[in-house]
Amino acid sequence: MPRSFETLTLDDAKTMLAAGEKQARSLGIAYNLAVVDAGGHLLAFVRQDGALLGSIDLAIDKAVTARIFDKKTSDLAALAQSGRPLFGIQQSNAGKVVIFGGGIPVVFRGQIIGAVGTSAGTVEQDIEVAMAALSALEQ
């Protein structure tokens, strides 16, 4: 029997991106923001005017990383240090795994239904913008 699952919708993603953009504007930084669905595929992306070109792939890859490993990318960063259990994980998946903050899974009813990824500022700012996007779904 097939199993069903929940996933983010395009409307969810638009809501998240709008909230993330608002937070980025409050920081005065042009951001790249990405939302992936439950399968880890890009659902929506926005690059604010003037956002760093090098951050485009980082935002997308942070979202994908958070989904395929079902962990915040900041948590993976700690686990990927030398001598830790996931040392070298960033070399997996054709080197597209990003292990610094800004990627966060979206959990609904105990199930991961997608993820958000942000990039342009410091790691702390990236986490702040991602959290703002995530919080938009809780309202």
N, C-alpha and C. Protein backbone atom coordinates (compact mmCIF):
# COMPACT_ATOMS: atom_id res chain seq x y z
N MET A 1 0.84 -1.17 0.00
CA MET A 1 0.00 0.00 0.00
C MET A 1 0.89 1.24 0.00
N PRO A 2 0.62 2.20 -0.89
CA PRO A 2 1.42 3.42 -0.93
C PRO A 2 1.27 4.21 0.37
N ARG A 3 2.35 4.88 0.72
CA ARG A 3 2.32 5.75 1.89
C ARG A 3 2.15 7.18 1.42
N SER A 4 1.42 7.95 2.17
CA SER A 4 1.27 9.36 1.84
C SER A 4 2.13 10.18 2.79
N PHE A 5 2.43 11.39 2.37
CA PHE A 5 3.24 12.27 3.21
C PHE A 5 2.84 13.71 2.95
N GLU A 6 3.15 14.53 3.92
CA GLU A 6 2.90 15.97 3.81
C GLU A 6 4.12 16.62 3.18
N THR A 7 3.90 17.73 2.52
CA THR A 7 5.00 18.52 1.97
C THR A 7 4.60 19.99 1.96
N LEU A 8 5.59 20.85 1.92
CA LEU A 8 5.32 22.27 1.78
C LEU A 8 4.66 22.53 0.44
N THR A 9 3.81 23.53 0.41
CA THR A 9 3.19 23.96 -0.84
C THR A 9 3.90 25.21 -1.34
N LEU A 10 3.58 25.59 -2.54
CA LEU A 10 4.13 26.83 -3.09
C LEU A 10 3.68 28.02 -2.25
N ASP A 11 2.43 28.02 -1.81
CA ASP A 11 1.97 29.11 -0.95
C ASP A 11 2.75 29.17 0.35
N ASP A 12 3.05 27.99 0.95
CA ASP A 12 3.88 27.96 2.15
C ASP A 12 5.24 28.60 1.86
N ALA A 13 5.83 28.19 0.76
CA ALA A 13 7.16 28.69 0.40
C ALA A 13 7.14 30.20 0.20
N LYS A 14 6.12 30.71 -0.47
CA LYS A 14 6.01 32.16 -0.68
C LYS A 14 5.89 32.89 0.64
N THR A 15 5.12 32.35 1.56
CA THR A 15 4.98 32.94 2.89
C THR A 15 6.32 32.98 3.60
N MET A 16 7.06 31.89 3.52
CA MET A 16 8.37 31.80 4.16
C MET A 16 9.35 32.79 3.54
N LEU A 17 9.38 32.85 2.22
CA LEU A 17 10.31 33.74 1.55
C LEU A 17 10.00 35.21 1.89
N ALA A 18 8.73 35.56 1.94
CA ALA A 18 8.36 36.94 2.26
C ALA A 18 8.85 37.31 3.67
N ALA A 19 8.68 36.40 4.62
CA ALA A 19 9.13 36.66 5.99
C ALA A 19 10.65 36.74 6.06
N GLY A 20 11.32 35.87 5.34
CA GLY A 20 12.78 35.90 5.30
C GLY A 20 13.30 37.18 4.66
N GLU A 21 12.65 37.59 3.58
CA GLU A 21 13.04 38.85 2.92
C GLU A 21 12.87 40.04 3.86
N LYS A 22 11.79 40.05 4.61
CA LYS A 22 11.54 41.14 5.55
C LYS A 22 12.66 41.19 6.59
N GLN A 23 13.05 40.04 7.11
CA GLN A 23 14.13 40.00 8.10
C GLN A 23 15.45 40.44 7.49
N ALA A 24 15.70 40.02 6.26
CA ALA A 24 16.93 40.43 5.57
C ALA A 24 16.97 41.95 5.40
N ARG A 25 15.84 42.54 5.02
CA ARG A 25 15.78 44.00 4.87
C ARG A 25 16.06 44.69 6.19
N SER A 26 15.57 44.12 7.30
CA SER A 26 15.82 44.73 8.60
C SER A 26 17.30 44.69 8.96
N LEU A 27 18.01 43.72 8.41
CA LEU A 27 19.46 43.63 8.63
C LEU A 27 20.24 44.51 7.66
N GLY A 28 19.56 44.97 6.61
CA GLY A 28 20.22 45.79 5.61
C GLY A 28 21.12 44.98 4.68
N ILE A 29 20.78 43.69 4.49
CA ILE A 29 21.60 42.80 3.66
C ILE A 29 20.70 42.19 2.59
N ALA A 30 21.16 42.21 1.35
CA ALA A 30 20.44 41.54 0.26
C ALA A 30 20.72 40.05 0.36
N TYR A 31 19.66 39.25 0.40
CA TYR A 31 19.77 37.81 0.67
C TYR A 31 19.33 36.94 -0.49
N ASN A 32 19.84 35.71 -0.46
CA ASN A 32 19.34 34.61 -1.28
C ASN A 32 18.62 33.67 -0.32
N LEU A 33 17.40 33.27 -0.68
CA LEU A 33 16.60 32.39 0.16
C LEU A 33 16.02 31.28 -0.70
N ALA A 34 16.04 30.06 -0.17
CA ALA A 34 15.52 28.91 -0.91
C ALA A 34 14.63 28.07 0.00
N VAL A 35 13.61 27.49 -0.59
CA VAL A 35 12.74 26.54 0.11
C VAL A 35 12.65 25.29 -0.74
N VAL A 36 12.84 24.14 -0.09
CA VAL A 36 12.71 22.85 -0.77
C VAL A 36 11.53 22.09 -0.17
N ASP A 37 11.00 21.17 -0.96
CA ASP A 37 9.86 20.38 -0.52
C ASP A 37 10.32 19.15 0.27
N ALA A 38 9.39 18.27 0.60
CA ALA A 38 9.70 17.09 1.41
C ALA A 38 10.70 16.17 0.73
N GLY A 39 10.76 16.21 -0.58
CA GLY A 39 11.72 15.38 -1.32
C GLY A 39 13.08 16.03 -1.49
N GLY A 40 13.22 17.25 -0.97
CA GLY A 40 14.49 17.96 -1.08
C GLY A 40 14.68 18.69 -2.40
N HIS A 41 13.59 18.87 -3.14
CA HIS A 41 13.67 19.55 -4.43
C HIS A 41 13.26 21.01 -4.29
N LEU A 42 13.91 21.86 -5.04
CA LEU A 42 13.64 23.29 -4.97
C LEU A 42 12.18 23.58 -5.27
N LEU A 43 11.54 24.29 -4.35
CA LEU A 43 10.14 24.68 -4.49
C LEU A 43 10.04 26.16 -4.85
N ALA A 44 10.88 26.98 -4.21
CA ALA A 44 10.86 28.42 -4.49
C ALA A 44 12.20 29.02 -4.08
N PHE A 45 12.58 30.09 -4.78
CA PHE A 45 13.85 30.75 -4.52
C PHE A 45 13.68 32.23 -4.79
N VAL A 46 14.38 33.05 -4.02
CA VAL A 46 14.41 34.48 -4.30
C VAL A 46 15.83 34.99 -4.08
N ARG A 47 16.26 35.83 -5.01
CA ARG A 47 17.53 36.55 -4.84
C ARG A 47 17.19 38.02 -4.83
N GLN A 48 17.36 38.63 -3.67
CA GLN A 48 17.08 40.06 -3.55
C GLN A 48 18.09 40.83 -4.40
N ASP A 49 17.67 41.99 -4.87
CA ASP A 49 18.56 42.83 -5.68
C ASP A 49 19.87 43.07 -4.96
N GLY A 50 20.97 42.77 -5.63
CA GLY A 50 22.29 42.99 -5.07
C GLY A 50 22.83 41.86 -4.22
N ALA A 51 22.07 40.77 -4.06
CA ALA A 51 22.54 39.65 -3.24
C ALA A 51 23.77 39.02 -3.90
N LEU A 52 24.66 38.52 -3.07
CA LEU A 52 25.90 37.91 -3.56
C LEU A 52 25.62 36.74 -4.49
N LEU A 53 26.26 36.74 -5.64
CA LEU A 53 26.08 35.65 -6.60
C LEU A 53 26.57 34.32 -6.03
N GLY A 54 27.65 34.36 -5.27
CA GLY A 54 28.20 33.14 -4.69
C GLY A 54 27.31 32.51 -3.64
N SER A 55 26.31 33.26 -3.18
CA SER A 55 25.41 32.75 -2.16
C SER A 55 24.18 32.05 -2.73
N ILE A 56 23.99 32.13 -4.03
CA ILE A 56 22.83 31.49 -4.64
C ILE A 56 22.86 29.99 -4.36
N ASP A 57 23.92 29.34 -4.80
CA ASP A 57 24.03 27.88 -4.59
C ASP A 57 24.10 27.54 -3.11
N LEU A 58 24.73 28.39 -2.31
CA LEU A 58 24.81 28.11 -0.87
C LEU A 58 23.43 28.06 -0.23
N ALA A 59 22.56 29.01 -0.57
CA ALA A 59 21.21 29.01 -0.01
C ALA A 59 20.45 27.75 -0.41
N ILE A 60 20.51 27.41 -1.69
CA ILE A 60 19.82 26.22 -2.17
C ILE A 60 20.40 24.97 -1.52
N ASP A 61 21.73 24.87 -1.50
CA ASP A 61 22.37 23.68 -0.94
C ASP A 61 22.16 23.56 0.57
N LYS A 62 22.06 24.68 1.27
CA LYS A 62 21.74 24.61 2.71
C LYS A 62 20.35 24.02 2.92
N ALA A 63 19.38 24.45 2.11
CA ALA A 63 18.03 23.92 2.23
C ALA A 63 18.02 22.42 1.93
N VAL A 64 18.67 22.03 0.85
CA VAL A 64 18.72 20.61 0.49
C VAL A 64 19.42 19.80 1.58
N THR A 65 20.55 20.30 2.07
CA THR A 65 21.29 19.60 3.13
C THR A 65 20.42 19.40 4.36
N ALA A 66 19.72 20.45 4.77
CA ALA A 66 18.86 20.34 5.95
C ALA A 66 17.79 19.27 5.74
N ARG A 67 17.29 19.16 4.53
CA ARG A 67 16.25 18.16 4.25
C ARG A 67 16.81 16.75 4.13
N ILE A 68 17.88 16.57 3.40
CA ILE A 68 18.34 15.19 3.16
C ILE A 68 18.98 14.57 4.40
N PHE A 69 19.45 15.42 5.32
CA PHE A 69 20.00 14.89 6.57
C PHE A 69 19.08 15.15 7.76
N ASP A 70 17.95 15.82 7.53
CA ASP A 70 16.95 16.08 8.57
C ASP A 70 17.55 16.73 9.81
N LYS A 71 18.47 17.67 9.58
CA LYS A 71 19.13 18.38 10.67
C LYS A 71 19.40 19.82 10.23
N LYS A 72 19.47 20.70 11.23
CA LYS A 72 19.93 22.05 10.94
C LYS A 72 21.36 21.96 10.45
N THR A 73 21.71 22.78 9.48
CA THR A 73 23.08 22.75 8.98
C THR A 73 24.06 23.19 10.05
N SER A 74 23.64 24.01 10.99
CA SER A 74 24.51 24.40 12.10
C SER A 74 24.81 23.20 13.00
N ASP A 75 23.86 22.28 13.14
CA ASP A 75 24.10 21.05 13.92
C ASP A 75 25.09 20.15 13.18
N LEU A 76 24.95 20.08 11.86
CA LEU A 76 25.89 19.28 11.07
C LEU A 76 27.30 19.83 11.18
N ALA A 77 27.42 21.14 11.27
CA ALA A 77 28.75 21.76 11.38
C ALA A 77 29.48 21.22 12.60
N ALA A 78 28.79 21.13 13.72
CA ALA A 78 29.42 20.62 14.94
C ALA A 78 29.79 19.14 14.80
N LEU A 79 28.94 18.38 14.14
CA LEU A 79 29.17 16.94 13.99
C LEU A 79 30.23 16.61 12.94
N ALA A 80 30.55 17.59 12.09
CA ALA A 80 31.49 17.35 10.98
C ALA A 80 32.92 17.78 11.30
N GLN A 81 33.17 18.21 12.51
CA GLN A 81 34.52 18.62 12.89
C GLN A 81 35.43 17.41 13.01
N SER A 82 36.71 17.63 12.88
CA SER A 82 37.70 16.55 12.99
C SER A 82 37.49 15.77 14.29
N GLY A 83 37.45 14.47 14.17
CA GLY A 83 37.27 13.61 15.33
C GLY A 83 35.82 13.37 15.71
N ARG A 84 34.89 14.05 15.05
CA ARG A 84 33.46 13.89 15.34
C ARG A 84 32.85 12.87 14.40
N PRO A 85 31.66 12.36 14.72
CA PRO A 85 31.07 11.25 13.96
C PRO A 85 30.84 11.49 12.48
N LEU A 86 30.59 12.74 12.07
CA LEU A 86 30.29 13.01 10.66
C LEU A 86 31.41 13.75 9.94
N PHE A 87 32.62 13.63 10.46
CA PHE A 87 33.76 14.29 9.83
C PHE A 87 33.83 13.91 8.34
N GLY A 88 33.89 14.91 7.47
CA GLY A 88 33.99 14.69 6.03
C GLY A 88 32.66 14.63 5.31
N ILE A 89 31.55 14.76 6.03
CA ILE A 89 30.24 14.64 5.38
C ILE A 89 30.05 15.65 4.26
N GLN A 90 30.72 16.80 4.38
CA GLN A 90 30.58 17.84 3.35
C GLN A 90 31.13 17.39 2.00
N GLN A 91 31.86 16.31 1.96
CA GLN A 91 32.38 15.78 0.70
C GLN A 91 31.38 14.85 0.01
N SER A 92 30.29 14.50 0.72
CA SER A 92 29.30 13.60 0.14
C SER A 92 28.37 14.34 -0.81
N ASN A 93 27.55 13.60 -1.50
CA ASN A 93 26.55 14.18 -2.39
C ASN A 93 27.16 15.16 -3.38
N ALA A 94 28.23 14.71 -4.02
CA ALA A 94 28.93 15.49 -5.04
C ALA A 94 29.45 16.82 -4.51
N GLY A 95 29.75 16.86 -3.20
CA GLY A 95 30.30 18.07 -2.59
C GLY A 95 29.30 19.19 -2.40
N LYS A 96 28.01 18.89 -2.50
CA LYS A 96 26.98 19.92 -2.40
C LYS A 96 26.41 20.07 -0.99
N VAL A 97 26.96 19.32 -0.03
CA VAL A 97 26.50 19.42 1.34
C VAL A 97 27.14 20.65 1.99
N VAL A 98 26.32 21.49 2.59
CA VAL A 98 26.80 22.71 3.24
C VAL A 98 26.64 22.53 4.75
N ILE A 99 27.74 22.71 5.47
CA ILE A 99 27.72 22.42 6.91
C ILE A 99 27.93 23.65 7.78
N PHE A 100 27.41 24.77 7.37
CA PHE A 100 27.38 25.92 8.28
C PHE A 100 25.96 26.46 8.29
N GLY A 101 25.66 27.21 9.35
CA GLY A 101 24.29 27.62 9.64
C GLY A 101 23.57 28.35 8.54
N GLY A 102 22.25 28.17 8.54
CA GLY A 102 21.37 28.84 7.59
C GLY A 102 20.43 27.88 6.89
N GLY A 103 20.56 26.58 7.16
CA GLY A 103 19.63 25.59 6.62
C GLY A 103 18.87 24.95 7.77
N ILE A 104 17.53 24.96 7.68
CA ILE A 104 16.70 24.44 8.77
C ILE A 104 15.55 23.62 8.20
N PRO A 105 15.38 22.38 8.71
CA PRO A 105 14.22 21.58 8.28
C PRO A 105 12.91 22.20 8.78
N VAL A 106 11.84 21.96 8.04
CA VAL A 106 10.50 22.38 8.44
C VAL A 106 9.78 21.13 8.93
N VAL A 107 9.34 21.17 10.18
CA VAL A 107 8.68 20.02 10.81
C VAL A 107 7.21 20.36 11.02
N PHE A 108 6.34 19.43 10.63
CA PHE A 108 4.90 19.57 10.81
C PHE A 108 4.35 18.24 11.29
N ARG A 109 3.72 18.27 12.46
CA ARG A 109 3.17 17.04 13.06
C ARG A 109 4.24 15.95 13.20
N GLY A 110 5.43 16.37 13.56
CA GLY A 110 6.52 15.43 13.79
C GLY A 110 7.19 14.90 12.53
N GLN A 111 6.79 15.40 11.38
CA GLN A 111 7.32 14.95 10.10
C GLN A 111 8.01 16.11 9.39
N ILE A 112 9.16 15.84 8.79
CA ILE A 112 9.86 16.89 8.03
C ILE A 112 9.21 16.99 6.65
N ILE A 113 8.76 18.21 6.35
CA ILE A 113 8.00 18.42 5.12
C ILE A 113 8.71 19.35 4.14
N GLY A 114 9.96 19.68 4.44
CA GLY A 114 10.73 20.57 3.59
C GLY A 114 11.82 21.22 4.40
N ALA A 115 12.41 22.27 3.83
CA ALA A 115 13.48 22.99 4.53
C ALA A 115 13.67 24.35 3.88
N VAL A 116 14.32 25.23 4.64
CA VAL A 116 14.67 26.56 4.16
C VAL A 116 16.18 26.71 4.24
N GLY A 117 16.73 27.47 3.30
CA GLY A 117 18.16 27.78 3.32
C GLY A 117 18.36 29.24 2.96
N THR A 118 19.29 29.89 3.67
CA THR A 118 19.56 31.30 3.43
C THR A 118 21.06 31.53 3.36
N SER A 119 21.45 32.56 2.61
CA SER A 119 22.88 32.87 2.54
C SER A 119 23.08 34.31 2.08
N ALA A 120 24.02 34.99 2.73
CA ALA A 120 24.49 36.33 2.34
C ALA A 120 25.20 37.03 3.48
N GLY A 121 24.80 36.77 4.72
CA GLY A 121 25.39 37.46 5.86
C GLY A 121 26.34 36.55 6.61
N THR A 122 26.51 36.85 7.89
CA THR A 122 27.29 35.96 8.75
C THR A 122 26.47 34.71 9.00
N VAL A 123 27.08 33.69 9.56
CA VAL A 123 26.34 32.47 9.89
C VAL A 123 25.18 32.81 10.82
N GLU A 124 25.43 33.64 11.80
CA GLU A 124 24.38 34.02 12.75
C GLU A 124 23.23 34.74 12.05
N GLN A 125 23.56 35.62 11.11
CA GLN A 125 22.52 36.33 10.37
C GLN A 125 21.75 35.38 9.45
N ASP A 126 22.47 34.44 8.83
CA ASP A 126 21.80 33.46 7.98
C ASP A 126 20.79 32.65 8.80
N ILE A 127 21.18 32.24 10.00
CA ILE A 127 20.27 31.50 10.87
C ILE A 127 19.07 32.37 11.24
N GLU A 128 19.32 33.63 11.56
CA GLU A 128 18.25 34.56 11.93
C GLU A 128 17.23 34.71 10.80
N VAL A 129 17.71 34.86 9.57
CA VAL A 129 16.81 35.01 8.42
C VAL A 129 16.05 33.70 8.17
N ALA A 130 16.73 32.57 8.29
CA ALA A 130 16.06 31.27 8.11
C ALA A 130 14.99 31.05 9.18
N MET A 131 15.30 31.43 10.42
CA MET A 131 14.33 31.28 11.51
C MET A 131 13.11 32.17 11.28
N ALA A 132 13.31 33.36 10.76
CA ALA A 132 12.20 34.25 10.45
C ALA A 132 11.31 33.61 9.39
N ALA A 133 11.91 33.01 8.39
CA ALA A 133 11.13 32.33 7.35
C ALA A 133 10.35 31.17 7.94
N LEU A 134 10.98 30.39 8.76
CA LEU A 134 10.33 29.24 9.41
C LEU A 134 9.19 29.69 10.32
N SER A 135 9.42 30.75 11.06
CA SER A 135 8.40 31.24 12.00
C SER A 135 7.14 31.71 11.30
N ALA A 136 7.24 32.10 10.05
CA ALA A 136 6.07 32.58 9.31
C ALA A 136 5.00 31.50 9.18
N LEU A 137 5.41 30.25 9.20
CA LEU A 137 4.43 29.15 9.08
C LEU A 137 3.71 28.89 10.39
N GLU A 138 4.27 29.36 11.47
CA GLU A 138 3.69 29.10 12.79
C GLU A 138 2.63 30.11 13.16
N GLN A 139 2.41 31.11 12.34
CA GLN A 139 1.46 32.17 12.67
C GLN A 139 0.08 31.86 12.16
